[in-house]
Protein backbone atom coordinates (compact mmCIF):
# COMPACT_ATOMS: atom_id res chain seq x y z
CA MET A 1 9.88 9.23 -8.36
CA ARG A 2 10.91 6.05 -6.64
CA PHE A 3 9.14 2.78 -7.29
CA LEU A 4 7.84 2.42 -3.74
CA LYS A 5 6.25 5.88 -3.80
CA LYS A 6 4.60 5.13 -7.16
CA LEU A 7 3.30 1.85 -5.76
CA LEU A 8 1.81 3.51 -2.68
CA ILE A 9 0.17 6.23 -4.78
CA CYS A 10 -1.37 3.57 -7.02
CA ILE A 11 -2.62 1.65 -3.97
CA TYR A 12 -4.30 4.72 -2.48
CA VAL A 13 -5.87 5.73 -5.81
CA PHE A 14 -7.15 2.18 -6.24
CA LEU A 15 -8.61 2.17 -2.73
CA ALA A 16 -10.38 5.48 -3.33
CA LEU A 17 -11.88 4.18 -6.58
CA PHE A 18 -12.81 0.91 -4.91
CA VAL A 19 -14.67 2.68 -2.09
CA VAL A 20 -16.59 4.77 -4.62
CA TYR A 21 -17.41 1.60 -6.58
CA CYS A 22 -18.67 -0.15 -3.42
CA CYS A 23 -20.84 2.85 -2.55
CA VAL A 24 -22.36 2.85 -6.05
CA ILE A 25 -23.00 -0.89 -5.90
CA PHE A 26 -24.65 -0.46 -2.50
CA ALA A 27 -26.82 2.40 -3.76
CA ILE A 28 -27.98 0.43 -6.80
CA TYR A 29 -28.47 -3.07 -5.38
CA GLN A 30 -28.90 -2.35 -1.64
CA THR A 31 -26.32 -5.01 -0.82
CA GLU A 32 -22.62 -4.86 -0.18
CA PRO A 33 -20.00 -7.06 -1.88
CA SER A 34 -18.58 -8.17 1.47
CA THR A 35 -16.36 -10.98 0.12
CA LEU A 36 -14.82 -8.61 -2.41
CA ILE A 37 -14.28 -5.93 0.23
CA VAL A 38 -12.56 -8.34 2.62
CA SER A 39 -10.36 -9.75 -0.13
CA VAL A 40 -9.27 -6.34 -1.41
CA MET A 41 -8.56 -4.98 2.07
CA ALA A 42 -6.54 -8.09 2.99
CA GLY A 43 -4.51 -7.80 -0.20
CA ILE A 44 -3.85 -4.12 0.39
CA GLY A 45 -2.85 -4.89 3.98
CA VAL A 46 -0.30 -7.47 2.87
CA GLU A 47 1.05 -5.09 0.23
CA SER A 48 1.38 -2.31 2.81
CA ILE A 49 3.26 -4.59 5.20
CA ILE A 50 5.64 -5.65 2.44
CA SER A 51 6.20 -2.00 1.46
CA GLY A 52 6.96 -1.14 5.08
CA ILE A 53 9.50 -3.95 5.34
CA ILE A 54 11.19 -2.84 2.11
CA LYS A 55 11.37 0.75 3.37
CA PHE A 56 12.78 -0.36 6.72
CA ILE A 57 15.50 -2.43 5.03
CA GLU A 58 16.38 0.43 2.65
CA ASP A 59 16.70 2.87 5.57
CA LYS A 60 18.77 0.41 7.58
CA ASN A 61 21.16 -0.14 4.67
CA ALA A 62 21.42 3.61 4.02
CA ARG A 63 22.34 4.28 7.67
CA LYS A 64 24.87 1.46 7.62
CA ASN A 65 26.49 2.83 4.44
CA LYS A 66 26.52 6.35 5.88
CA ASN A 67 28.26 5.13 9.05
CA ILE A 68 30.84 3.24 7.00
CA ASP A 69 31.54 6.33 4.88
CA GLU A 70 31.94 8.52 7.98
CA GLU A 71 34.44 6.10 9.53
CA LYS A 72 36.74 6.28 6.48
């Protein structure tokens, strides 16, 4: 399995566990950890954008290499 796929799977598993954790915290203390939620979601957003850029560049390079191979 490629690194990017492993990374995305880890991100989604972490987000699922984080949502469960926030629900438990809310059920126990009747308050939400809003600063923590915002920070985690912002970090995940940045990571997702970076992953998308990496995937776009990999696809672009693969198409370029395929076109070069077909021309030969």
